PDB file of N, CA and C in Angstrom:
ATOM      1  N   MET A   1       0.839  -1.182   0.000  1.00  0.00           N
ATOM      2  CA  MET A   1       0.000   0.000   0.000  1.00  0.00           C
ATOM      3  C   MET A   1       0.884   1.245   0.000  1.00  0.00           C
ATOM      4  N   GLN A   2       0.500   2.220  -0.776  1.00  0.00           N
ATOM      5  CA  GLN A   2       1.249   3.465  -0.893  1.00  0.00           C
ATOM      6  C   GLN A   2       0.661   4.511   0.053  1.00  0.00           C
ATOM      7  N   ASP A   3       1.532   5.206   0.796  1.00  0.00           N
ATOM      8  CA  ASP A   3       1.086   6.280   1.673  1.00  0.00           C
ATOM      9  C   ASP A   3       0.794   7.527   0.853  1.00  0.00           C
ATOM     10  N   VAL A   4      -0.269   8.213   1.223  1.00  0.00           N
ATOM     11  CA  VAL A   4      -0.665   9.449   0.559  1.00  0.00           C
ATOM     12  C   VAL A   4      -0.891  10.509   1.640  1.00  0.00           C
ATOM     13  N   PHE A   5      -0.376  11.707   1.406  1.00  0.00           N
ATOM     14  CA  PHE A   5      -0.582  12.839   2.307  1.00  0.00           C
ATOM     15  C   PHE A   5      -1.596  13.750   1.636  1.00  0.00           C
ATOM     16  N   ILE A   6      -2.733  13.937   2.267  1.00  0.00           N
ATOM     17  CA  ILE A   6      -3.828  14.699   1.666  1.00  0.00           C
ATOM     18  C   ILE A   6      -3.814  16.138   2.176  1.00  0.00           C
ATOM     19  N   THR A   7      -3.738  17.078   1.232  1.00  0.00           N
ATOM     20  CA  THR A   7      -3.809  18.504   1.539  1.00  0.00           C
ATOM     21  C   THR A   7      -4.978  19.106   0.772  1.00  0.00           C
ATOM     22  N   SER A   8      -5.712  19.989   1.416  1.00  0.00           N
ATOM     23  CA  SER A   8      -6.792  20.709   0.755  1.00  0.00           C
ATOM     24  C   SER A   8      -6.765  22.151   1.255  1.00  0.00           C
ATOM     25  N   LYS A   9      -7.483  23.015   0.550  1.00  0.00           N
ATOM     26  CA  LYS A   9      -7.475  24.442   0.886  1.00  0.00           C
ATOM     27  C   LYS A   9      -8.889  25.004   0.956  1.00  0.00           C
ATOM     28  N   LEU A  10      -9.030  26.006   1.816  1.00  0.00           N
ATOM     29  CA  LEU A  10     -10.271  26.755   1.932  1.00  0.00           C
ATOM     30  C   LEU A  10     -10.260  27.884   0.905  1.00  0.00           C
ATOM     31  N   ALA A  11     -11.226  27.878   0.015  1.00  0.00           N
ATOM     32  CA  ALA A  11     -11.328  28.927  -1.007  1.00  0.00           C
ATOM     33  C   ALA A  11     -11.742  30.253  -0.367  1.00  0.00           C
ATOM     34  N   PRO A  12     -11.324  31.377  -0.950  1.00  0.00           N
ATOM     35  CA  PRO A  12     -11.714  32.686  -0.409  1.00  0.00           C
ATOM     36  C   PRO A  12     -13.229  32.871  -0.279  1.00  0.00           C
ATOM     37  N   ARG A  13     -14.004  32.249  -1.134  1.00  0.00           N
ATOM     38  CA  ARG A  13     -15.464  32.374  -1.064  1.00  0.00           C
ATOM     39  C   ARG A  13     -16.060  31.607   0.117  1.00  0.00           C
ATOM     40  N   SER A  14     -15.251  30.749   0.753  1.00  0.00           N
ATOM     41  CA  SER A  14     -15.741  29.908   1.848  1.00  0.00           C
ATOM     42  C   SER A  14     -15.267  30.368   3.222  1.00  0.00           C
ATOM     43  N   GLN A  15     -14.775  31.600   3.318  1.00  0.00           N
ATOM     44  CA  GLN A  15     -14.318  32.123   4.606  1.00  0.00           C
ATOM     45  C   GLN A  15     -15.497  32.284   5.569  1.00  0.00           C
ATOM     46  N   GLY A  16     -15.233  32.106   6.852  1.00  0.00           N
ATOM     47  CA  GLY A  16     -16.250  32.206   7.900  1.00  0.00           C
ATOM     48  C   GLY A  16     -16.426  30.854   8.571  1.00  0.00           C
ATOM     49  N   TYR A  17     -16.924  30.836   9.792  1.00  0.00           N
ATOM     50  CA  TYR A  17     -16.992  29.606  10.582  1.00  0.00           C
ATOM     51  C   TYR A  17     -17.825  28.517   9.902  1.00  0.00           C
ATOM     52  N   GLU A  18     -19.087  28.807   9.616  1.00  0.00           N
ATOM     53  CA  GLU A  18     -19.979  27.790   9.050  1.00  0.00           C
ATOM     54  C   GLU A  18     -19.555  27.391   7.636  1.00  0.00           C
ATOM     55  N   ARG A  19     -19.187  28.369   6.830  1.00  0.00           N
ATOM     56  CA  ARG A  19     -18.764  28.059   5.458  1.00  0.00           C
ATOM     57  C   ARG A  19     -17.494  27.213   5.458  1.00  0.00           C
ATOM     58  N   CYS A  20     -16.595  27.509   6.369  1.00  0.00           N
ATOM     59  CA  CYS A  20     -15.360  26.732   6.474  1.00  0.00           C
ATOM     60  C   CYS A  20     -15.676  25.285   6.845  1.00  0.00           C
ATOM     61  N   GLN A  21     -16.538  25.092   7.830  1.00  0.00           N
ATOM     62  CA  GLN A  21     -16.918  23.732   8.214  1.00  0.00           C
ATOM     63  C   GLN A  21     -17.552  22.993   7.036  1.00  0.00           C
ATOM     64  N   ALA A  22     -18.420  23.682   6.305  1.00  0.00           N
ATOM     65  CA  ALA A  22     -19.069  23.066   5.146  1.00  0.00           C
ATOM     66  C   ALA A  22     -18.055  22.736   4.058  1.00  0.00           C
ATOM     67  N   ALA A  23     -17.072  23.602   3.859  1.00  0.00           N
ATOM     68  CA  ALA A  23     -16.044  23.356   2.840  1.00  0.00           C
ATOM     69  C   ALA A  23     -15.190  22.145   3.201  1.00  0.00           C
ATOM     70  N   VAL A  24     -14.841  22.009   4.470  1.00  0.00           N
ATOM     71  CA  VAL A  24     -14.074  20.832   4.896  1.00  0.00           C
ATOM     72  C   VAL A  24     -14.908  19.572   4.679  1.00  0.00           C
ATOM     73  N   ALA A  25     -16.175  19.612   5.048  1.00  0.00           N
ATOM     74  CA  ALA A  25     -17.054  18.460   4.843  1.00  0.00           C
ATOM     75  C   ALA A  25     -17.144  18.098   3.360  1.00  0.00           C
ATOM     76  N   ALA A  26     -17.230  19.101   2.498  1.00  0.00           N
ATOM     77  CA  ALA A  26     -17.287  18.851   1.054  1.00  0.00           C
ATOM     78  C   ALA A  26     -15.983  18.232   0.556  1.00  0.00           C
ATOM     79  N   SER A  27     -14.852  18.693   1.082  1.00  0.00           N
ATOM     80  CA  SER A  27     -13.557  18.107   0.698  1.00  0.00           C
ATOM     81  C   SER A  27     -13.477  16.651   1.127  1.00  0.00           C
ATOM     82  N   LEU A  28     -13.916  16.369   2.347  1.00  0.00           N
ATOM     83  CA  LEU A  28     -13.898  14.986   2.837  1.00  0.00           C
ATOM     84  C   LEU A  28     -14.738  14.083   1.937  1.00  0.00           C
ATOM     85  N   LYS A  29     -15.914  14.570   1.575  1.00  0.00           N
ATOM     86  CA  LYS A  29     -16.802  13.785   0.712  1.00  0.00           C
ATOM     87  C   LYS A  29     -16.178  13.576  -0.665  1.00  0.00           C
ATOM     88  N   ALA A  30     -15.661  14.643  -1.259  1.00  0.00           N
ATOM     89  CA  ALA A  30     -15.066  14.548  -2.597  1.00  0.00           C
ATOM     90  C   ALA A  30     -13.850  13.623  -2.609  1.00  0.00           C
ATOM     91  N   LEU A  31     -13.080  13.651  -1.534  1.00  0.00           N
ATOM     92  CA  LEU A  31     -11.872  12.824  -1.443  1.00  0.00           C
ATOM     93  C   LEU A  31     -12.158  11.426  -0.904  1.00  0.00           C
ATOM     94  N   GLN A  32     -13.391  11.194  -0.498  1.00  0.00           N
ATOM     95  CA  GLN A  32     -13.820   9.903   0.043  1.00  0.00           C
ATOM     96  C   GLN A  32     -12.914   9.449   1.191  1.00  0.00           C
ATOM     97  N   THR A  33     -12.780  10.337   2.166  1.00  0.00           N
ATOM     98  CA  THR A  33     -11.949  10.055   3.332  1.00  0.00           C
ATOM     99  C   THR A  33     -12.615  10.643   4.569  1.00  0.00           C
ATOM    100  N   ASP A  34     -12.150  10.239   5.736  1.00  0.00           N
ATOM    101  CA  ASP A  34     -12.705  10.778   6.976  1.00  0.00           C
ATOM    102  C   ASP A  34     -11.740  11.726   7.687  1.00  0.00           C
ATOM    103  N   TYR A  35     -10.612  12.019   7.041  1.00  0.00           N
ATOM    104  CA  TYR A  35      -9.663  12.982   7.602  1.00  0.00           C
ATOM    105  C   TYR A  35      -8.865  13.621   6.471  1.00  0.00           C
ATOM    106  N   ILE A  36      -8.255  14.754   6.775  1.00  0.00           N
ATOM    107  CA  ILE A  36      -7.345  15.435   5.848  1.00  0.00           C
ATOM    108  C   ILE A  36      -6.069  15.719   6.626  1.00  0.00           C
ATOM    109  N   ASP A  37      -4.934  15.392   6.034  1.00  0.00           N
ATOM    110  CA  ASP A  37      -3.654  15.580   6.721  1.00  0.00           C
ATOM    111  C   ASP A  37      -3.329  17.047   6.967  1.00  0.00           C
ATOM    112  N   LEU A  38      -3.574  17.889   5.982  1.00  0.00           N
ATOM    113  CA  LEU A  38      -3.260  19.312   6.096  1.00  0.00           C
ATOM    114  C   LEU A  38      -4.338  20.117   5.391  1.00  0.00           C
ATOM    115  N   TYR A  39      -4.901  21.077   6.107  1.00  0.00           N
ATOM    116  CA  TYR A  39      -5.907  21.953   5.523  1.00  0.00           C
ATOM    117  C   TYR A  39      -5.436  23.394   5.687  1.00  0.00           C
ATOM    118  N   LEU A  40      -5.414  24.129   4.578  1.00  0.00           N
ATOM    119  CA  LEU A  40      -4.895  25.493   4.552  1.00  0.00           C
ATOM    120  C   LEU A  40      -5.986  26.500   4.215  1.00  0.00           C
ATOM    121  N   ILE A  41      -5.917  27.672   4.823  1.00  0.00           N
ATOM    122  CA  ILE A  41      -6.716  28.805   4.356  1.00  0.00           C
ATOM    123  C   ILE A  41      -5.941  29.367   3.172  1.00  0.00           C
ATOM    124  N   HIS A  42      -6.538  29.289   1.990  1.00  0.00           N
ATOM    125  CA  HIS A  42      -5.826  29.577   0.745  1.00  0.00           C
ATOM    126  C   HIS A  42      -5.373  31.029   0.607  1.00  0.00           C
ATOM    127  N   TRP A  43      -6.162  31.954   1.122  1.00  0.00           N
ATOM    128  CA  TRP A  43      -5.882  33.375   0.896  1.00  0.00           C
ATOM    129  C   TRP A  43      -6.423  34.152   2.094  1.00  0.00           C
ATOM    130  N   PRO A  44      -5.748  35.208   2.533  1.00  0.00           N
ATOM    131  CA  PRO A  44      -6.214  35.926   3.719  1.00  0.00           C
ATOM    132  C   PRO A  44      -7.475  36.759   3.512  1.00  0.00           C
ATOM    133  N   GLY A  45      -7.856  37.010   2.273  1.00  0.00           N
ATOM    134  CA  GLY A  45      -9.049  37.799   1.991  1.00  0.00           C
ATOM    135  C   GLY A  45     -10.210  36.930   1.558  1.00  0.00           C
ATOM    136  N   ALA A  46     -11.415  37.437   1.796  1.00  0.00           N
ATOM    137  CA  ALA A  46     -12.628  36.743   1.381  1.00  0.00           C
ATOM    138  C   ALA A  46     -13.107  37.305   0.047  1.00  0.00           C
ATOM    139  N   SER A  47     -13.720  36.463  -0.744  1.00  0.00           N
ATOM    140  CA  SER A  47     -14.266  36.903  -2.033  1.00  0.00           C
ATOM    141  C   SER A  47     -15.410  37.882  -1.819  1.00  0.00           C
ATOM    142  N   GLY A  48     -15.510  38.839  -2.722  1.00  0.00           N
ATOM    143  CA  GLY A  48     -16.634  39.753  -2.728  1.00  0.00           C
ATOM    144  C   GLY A  48     -16.495  40.970  -1.837  1.00  0.00           C
ATOM    145  N   LEU A  49     -15.356  41.114  -1.170  1.00  0.00           N
ATOM    146  CA  LEU A  49     -15.139  42.277  -0.311  1.00  0.00           C
ATOM    147  C   LEU A  49     -14.016  43.133  -0.870  1.00  0.00           C
ATOM    148  N   GLU A  50     -14.105  44.426  -0.630  1.00  0.00           N
ATOM    149  CA  GLU A  50     -13.021  45.326  -1.021  1.00  0.00           C
ATOM    150  C   GLU A  50     -11.777  44.989  -0.199  1.00  0.00           C
ATOM    151  N   PRO A  51     -10.583  45.223  -0.739  1.00  0.00           N
ATOM    152  CA  PRO A  51      -9.353  44.862  -0.021  1.00  0.00           C
ATOM    153  C   PRO A  51      -9.229  45.454   1.380  1.00  0.00           C
ATOM    154  N   ASP A  52      -9.761  46.657   1.604  1.00  0.00           N
ATOM    155  CA  ASP A  52      -9.625  47.294   2.918  1.00  0.00           C
ATOM    156  C   ASP A  52     -10.824  47.055   3.842  1.00  0.00           C
ATOM    157  N   ASP A  53     -11.714  46.147   3.466  1.00  0.00           N
ATOM    158  CA  ASP A  53     -12.901  45.866   4.271  1.00  0.00           C
ATOM    159  C   ASP A  53     -12.493  45.198   5.589  1.00  0.00           C
ATOM    160  N   PRO A  54     -12.917  45.747   6.726  1.00  0.00           N
ATOM    161  CA  PRO A  54     -12.527  45.175   8.016  1.00  0.00           C
ATOM    162  C   PRO A  54     -13.114  43.787   8.281  1.00  0.00           C
ATOM    163  N   ARG A  55     -14.099  43.375   7.497  1.00  0.00           N
ATOM    164  CA  ARG A  55     -14.678  42.036   7.692  1.00  0.00           C
ATOM    165  C   ARG A  55     -13.698  40.917   7.355  1.00  0.00           C
ATOM    166  N   HIS A  56     -12.674  41.213   6.557  1.00  0.00           N
ATOM    167  CA  HIS A  56     -11.674  40.186   6.240  1.00  0.00           C
ATOM    168  C   HIS A  56     -11.076  39.596   7.515  1.00  0.00           C
ATOM    169  N   ALA A  57     -10.684  40.450   8.450  1.00  0.00           N
ATOM    170  CA  ALA A  57     -10.042  39.983   9.687  1.00  0.00           C
ATOM    171  C   ALA A  57     -10.972  39.082  10.483  1.00  0.00           C
ATOM    172  N   GLN A  58     -12.247  39.446  10.576  1.00  0.00           N
ATOM    173  CA  GLN A  58     -13.191  38.620  11.332  1.00  0.00           C
ATOM    174  C   GLN A  58     -13.435  37.289  10.637  1.00  0.00           C
ATOM    175  N   LEU A  59     -13.560  37.313   9.320  1.00  0.00           N
ATOM    176  CA  LEU A  59     -13.765  36.065   8.579  1.00  0.00           C
ATOM    177  C   LEU A  59     -12.555  35.148   8.708  1.00  0.00           C
ATOM    178  N   ARG A  60     -11.345  35.713   8.666  1.00  0.00           N
ATOM    179  CA  ARG A  60     -10.133  34.906   8.878  1.00  0.00           C
ATOM    180  C   ARG A  60     -10.152  34.259  10.260  1.00  0.00           C
ATOM    181  N   ALA A  61     -10.485  35.063  11.267  1.00  0.00           N
ATOM    182  CA  ALA A  61     -10.513  34.552  12.641  1.00  0.00           C
ATOM    183  C   ALA A  61     -11.569  33.462  12.801  1.00  0.00           C
ATOM    184  N   ASP A  62     -12.739  33.671  12.220  1.00  0.00           N
ATOM    185  CA  ASP A  62     -13.804  32.671  12.304  1.00  0.00           C
ATOM    186  C   ASP A  62     -13.421  31.387  11.576  1.00  0.00           C
ATOM    187  N   SER A  63     -12.789  31.522  10.422  1.00  0.00           N
ATOM    188  CA  SER A  63     -12.337  30.345   9.671  1.00  0.00           C
ATOM    189  C   SER A  63     -11.305  29.572  10.478  1.00  0.00           C
ATOM    190  N   TRP A  64     -10.375  30.296  11.086  1.00  0.00           N
ATOM    191  CA  TRP A  64      -9.332  29.631  11.871  1.00  0.00           C
ATOM    192  C   TRP A  64      -9.933  28.903  13.073  1.00  0.00           C
ATOM    193  N   ARG A  65     -10.913  29.529  13.708  1.00  0.00           N
ATOM    194  CA  ARG A  65     -11.588  28.892  14.844  1.00  0.00           C
ATOM    195  C   ARG A  65     -12.251  27.582  14.411  1.00  0.00           C
ATOM    196  N   ALA A  66     -12.855  27.568  13.228  1.00  0.00           N
ATOM    197  CA  ALA A  66     -13.457  26.339  12.704  1.00  0.00           C
ATOM    198  C   ALA A  66     -12.389  25.276  12.466  1.00  0.00           C
ATOM    199  N   LEU A  67     -11.249  25.683  11.903  1.00  0.00           N
ATOM    200  CA  LEU A  67     -10.168  24.720  11.668  1.00  0.00           C
ATOM    201  C   LEU A  67      -9.622  24.175  12.982  1.00  0.00           C
ATOM    202  N   GLU A  68      -9.496  25.031  13.989  1.00  0.00           N
ATOM    203  CA  GLU A  68      -9.031  24.561  15.299  1.00  0.00           C
ATOM    204  C   GLU A  68      -9.984  23.513  15.867  1.00  0.00           C
ATOM    205  N   GLN A  69     -11.283  23.736  15.711  1.00  0.00           N
ATOM    206  CA  GLN A  69     -12.279  22.775  16.194  1.00  0.00           C
ATOM    207  C   GLN A  69     -12.146  21.442  15.459  1.00  0.00           C
ATOM    208  N   LEU A  70     -12.011  21.493  14.146  1.00  0.00           N
ATOM    209  CA  LEU A  70     -11.876  20.269  13.348  1.00  0.00           C
ATOM    210  C   LEU A  70     -10.561  19.555  13.644  1.00  0.00           C
ATOM    211  N   LEU A  71      -9.535  20.305  13.971  1.00  0.00           N
ATOM    212  CA  LEU A  71      -8.263  19.716  14.389  1.00  0.00           C
ATOM    213  C   LEU A  71      -8.446  18.978  15.714  1.00  0.00           C
ATOM    214  N   ALA A  72      -9.117  19.599  16.663  1.00  0.00           N
ATOM    215  CA  ALA A  72      -9.361  18.983  17.970  1.00  0.00           C
ATOM    216  C   ALA A  72     -10.189  17.708  17.843  1.00  0.00           C
ATOM    217  N   GLU A  73     -11.101  17.681  16.876  1.00  0.00           N
ATOM    218  CA  GLU A  73     -11.947  16.510  16.649  1.00  0.00           C
ATOM    219  C   GLU A  73     -11.212  15.395  15.912  1.00  0.00           C
ATOM    220  N   GLY A  74     -10.064  15.702  15.312  1.00  0.00           N
ATOM    221  CA  GLY A  74      -9.310  14.702  14.567  1.00  0.00           C
ATOM    222  C   GLY A  74      -9.642  14.636  13.092  1.00  0.00           C
ATOM    223  N   THR A  75     -10.561  15.471  12.634  1.00  0.00           N
ATOM    224  CA  THR A  75     -10.911  15.504  11.213  1.00  0.00           C
ATOM    225  C   THR A  75      -9.745  16.037  10.392  1.00  0.00           C
ATOM    226  N   LEU A  76      -9.046  17.012  10.952  1.00  0.00           N
ATOM    227  CA  LEU A  76      -7.846  17.574  10.329  1.00  0.00           C
ATOM    228  C   LEU A  76      -6.658  17.220  11.207  1.00  0.00           C
ATOM    229  N   ARG A  77      -5.549  16.876  10.593  1.00  0.00           N
ATOM    230  CA  ARG A  77      -4.360  16.490  11.357  1.00  0.00           C
ATOM    231  C   ARG A  77      -3.368  17.639  11.512  1.00  0.00           C
ATOM    232  N   ALA A  78      -3.437  18.612  10.619  1.00  0.00           N
ATOM    233  CA  ALA A  78      -2.612  19.818  10.702  1.00  0.00           C
ATOM    234  C   ALA A  78      -3.364  20.924   9.977  1.00  0.00           C
ATOM    235  N   ILE A  79      -3.148  22.162  10.424  1.00  0.00           N
ATOM    236  CA  ILE A  79      -3.811  23.307   9.810  1.00  0.00           C
ATOM    237  C   ILE A  79      -2.784  24.395   9.535  1.00  0.00           C
ATOM    238  N   GLY A  80      -3.067  25.181   8.501  1.00  0.00           N
ATOM    239  CA  GLY A  80      -2.117  26.222   8.143  1.00  0.00           C
ATOM    240  C   GLY A  80      -2.742  27.275   7.259  1.00  0.00           C
ATOM    241  N   VAL A  81      -1.878  28.123   6.740  1.00  0.00           N
ATOM    242  CA  VAL A  81      -2.306  29.238   5.903  1.00  0.00           C
ATOM    243  C   VAL A  81      -1.459  29.284   4.637  1.00  0.00           C
ATOM    244  N   SER A  82      -1.961  30.019   3.669  1.00  0.00           N
ATOM    245  CA  SER A  82      -1.267  30.179   2.399  1.00  0.00           C
ATOM    246  C   SER A  82      -1.420  31.630   1.958  1.00  0.00           C
ATOM    247  N   ASN A  83      -0.342  32.205   1.471  1.00  0.00           N
ATOM    248  CA  ASN A  83      -0.349  33.575   0.953  1.00  0.00           C
ATOM    249  C   ASN A  83      -0.586  34.637   2.018  1.00  0.00           C
ATOM    250  N   TYR A  84      -0.320  34.327   3.266  1.00  0.00           N
ATOM    251  CA  TYR A  84      -0.473  35.299   4.349  1.00  0.00           C
ATOM    252  C   TYR A  84       0.769  36.165   4.441  1.00  0.00           C
ATOM    253  N   GLY A  85       0.559  37.450   4.646  1.00  0.00           N
ATOM    254  CA  GLY A  85       1.662  38.359   4.917  1.00  0.00           C
ATOM    255  C   GLY A  85       1.910  38.442   6.418  1.00  0.00           C
ATOM    256  N   VAL A  86       2.946  39.154   6.792  1.00  0.00           N
ATOM    257  CA  VAL A  86       3.296  39.295   8.209  1.00  0.00           C
ATOM    258  C   VAL A  86       2.130  39.856   9.029  1.00  0.00           C
ATOM    259  N   PRO A  87       1.431  40.909   8.562  1.00  0.00           N
ATOM    260  CA  PRO A  87       0.312  41.424   9.368  1.00  0.00           C
ATOM    261  C   PRO A  87      -0.790  40.381   9.594  1.00  0.00           C
ATOM    262  N   HIS A  88      -1.088  39.578   8.560  1.00  0.00           N
ATOM    263  CA  HIS A  88      -2.113  38.538   8.700  1.00  0.00           C
ATOM    264  C   HIS A  88      -1.676  37.494   9.722  1.00  0.00           C
ATOM    265  N   LEU A  89      -0.419  37.076   9.633  1.00  0.00           N
ATOM    266  CA  LEU A  89       0.102  36.084  10.578  1.00  0.00           C
ATOM    267  C   LEU A  89       0.101  36.621  12.001  1.00  0.00           C
ATOM    268  N   GLN A  90       0.484  37.884  12.176  1.00  0.00           N
ATOM    269  CA  GLN A  90       0.512  38.457  13.524  1.00  0.00           C
ATOM    270  C   GLN A  90      -0.883  38.513  14.123  1.00  0.00           C
ATOM    271  N   GLN A  91      -1.875  38.921  13.319  1.00  0.00           N
ATOM    272  CA  GLN A  91      -3.260  38.937  13.806  1.00  0.00           C
ATOM    273  C   GLN A  91      -3.684  37.544  14.243  1.00  0.00           C
ATOM    274  N   LEU A  92      -3.353  36.549  13.455  1.00  0.00           N
ATOM    275  CA  LEU A  92      -3.720  35.173  13.776  1.00  0.00           C
ATOM    276  C   LEU A  92      -3.032  34.709  15.059  1.00  0.00           C
ATOM    277  N   LEU A  93      -1.744  34.940  15.153  1.00  0.00           N
ATOM    278  CA  LEU A  93      -0.991  34.503  16.333  1.00  0.00           C
ATOM    279  C   LEU A  93      -1.454  35.206  17.608  1.00  0.00           C
ATOM    280  N   ASP A  94      -1.955  36.423  17.479  1.00  0.00           N
ATOM    281  CA  ASP A  94      -2.439  37.168  18.641  1.00  0.00           C
ATOM    282  C   ASP A  94      -3.732  36.595  19.218  1.00  0.00           C
ATOM    283  N   THR A  95      -4.480  35.840  18.412  1.00  0.00           N
ATOM    284  CA  THR A  95      -5.804  35.389  18.854  1.00  0.00           C
ATOM    285  C   THR A  95      -6.016  33.883  18.826  1.00  0.00           C
ATOM    286  N   CYS A  96      -5.155  33.140  18.193  1.00  0.00           N
ATOM    287  CA  CYS A  96      -5.412  31.709  17.997  1.00  0.00           C
ATOM    288  C   CYS A  96      -5.081  30.880  19.239  1.00  0.00           C
ATOM    289  N   GLN A  97      -5.678  29.705  19.301  1.00  0.00           N
ATOM    290  CA  GLN A  97      -5.338  28.705  20.313  1.00  0.00           C
ATOM    291  C   GLN A  97      -4.225  27.799  19.801  1.00  0.00           C
ATOM    292  N   THR A  98      -4.237  27.551  18.483  1.00  0.00           N
ATOM    293  CA  THR A  98      -3.251  26.694  17.830  1.00  0.00           C
ATOM    294  C   THR A  98      -2.553  27.501  16.745  1.00  0.00           C
ATOM    295  N   ALA A  99      -1.246  27.606  16.826  1.00  0.00           N
ATOM    296  CA  ALA A  99      -0.482  28.311  15.792  1.00  0.00           C
ATOM    297  C   ALA A  99      -0.501  27.498  14.501  1.00  0.00           C
ATOM    298  N   PRO A 100      -0.420  28.171  13.356  1.00  0.00           N
ATOM    299  CA  PRO A 100      -0.381  27.438  12.087  1.00  0.00           C
ATOM    300  C   PRO A 100       0.795  26.466  12.047  1.00  0.00           C
ATOM    301  N   HIS A 101       0.526  25.271  11.562  1.00  0.00           N
ATOM    302  CA  HIS A 101       1.582  24.283  11.363  1.00  0.00           C
ATOM    303  C   HIS A 101       2.370  24.582  10.094  1.00  0.00           C
ATOM    304  N   VAL A 102       1.718  25.268   9.149  1.00  0.00           N
ATOM    305  CA  VAL A 102       2.321  25.553   7.842  1.00  0.00           C
ATOM    306  C   VAL A 102       1.968  26.978   7.430  1.00  0.00           C
ATOM    307  N   ASN A 103       2.941  27.673   6.847  1.00  0.00           N
ATOM    308  CA  ASN A 103       2.709  28.953   6.176  1.00  0.00           C
ATOM    309  C   ASN A 103       3.233  28.767   4.755  1.00  0.00           C
ATOM    310  N   GLN A 104       2.348  28.392   3.855  1.00  0.00           N
ATOM    311  CA  GLN A 104       2.742  28.148   2.470  1.00  0.00           C
ATOM    312  C   GLN A 104       2.869  29.488   1.754  1.00  0.00           C
ATOM    313  N   CYS A 105       4.008  29.700   1.102  1.00  0.00           N
ATOM    314  CA  CYS A 105       4.203  30.943   0.364  1.00  0.00           C
ATOM    315  C   CYS A 105       5.031  30.681  -0.889  1.00  0.00           C
ATOM    316  N   SER A 106       4.869  31.555  -1.835  1.00  0.00           N
ATOM    317  CA  SER A 106       5.588  31.454  -3.094  1.00  0.00           C
ATOM    318  C   SER A 106       7.042  31.858  -2.888  1.00  0.00           C
ATOM    319  N   SER A 107       7.937  31.163  -3.557  1.00  0.00           N
ATOM    320  CA  SER A 107       9.358  31.511  -3.443  1.00  0.00           C
ATOM    321  C   SER A 107       9.905  32.086  -4.748  1.00  0.00           C
ATOM    322  N   PHE A 108       9.020  32.464  -5.649  1.00  0.00           N
ATOM    323  CA  PHE A 108       9.451  33.074  -6.904  1.00  0.00           C
ATOM    324  C   PHE A 108       8.661  34.351  -7.135  1.00  0.00           C
ATOM    325  N   GLY A 109       9.243  35.282  -7.854  1.00  0.00           N
ATOM    326  CA  GLY A 109       8.585  36.550  -8.142  1.00  0.00           C
ATOM    327  C   GLY A 109       7.491  36.390  -9.170  1.00  0.00           C
ATOM    328  N   ARG A 110       6.591  37.320  -9.174  1.00  0.00           N
ATOM    329  CA  ARG A 110       5.500  37.277 -10.159  1.00  0.00           C
ATOM    330  C   ARG A 110       5.623  38.432 -11.085  1.00  0.00           C
TER     331      ARG A 110
END
């Protein structure tokens, strides 16, 4: 049997506590598994909001809280973020119970 490490991401349109939980459930169903090894918040901003909208921070916090809950339940084995800048990471670290296991970022210029 071959070992597989399963990673999935939360789309910007799925930010928020309930939407995040639903997105994880949809990933589990699509992947036909009962756990995900690593789940990342794909982008620090939510779809449909202006870049300076203060709701981004609350949606990030709510999404992270949902991931922490799913981690505690064993549905997720590790949680992290992707494309977060230093300010986003600092906000998260100031309020989270579990620090991100992964900070995925690009290592090449665009």
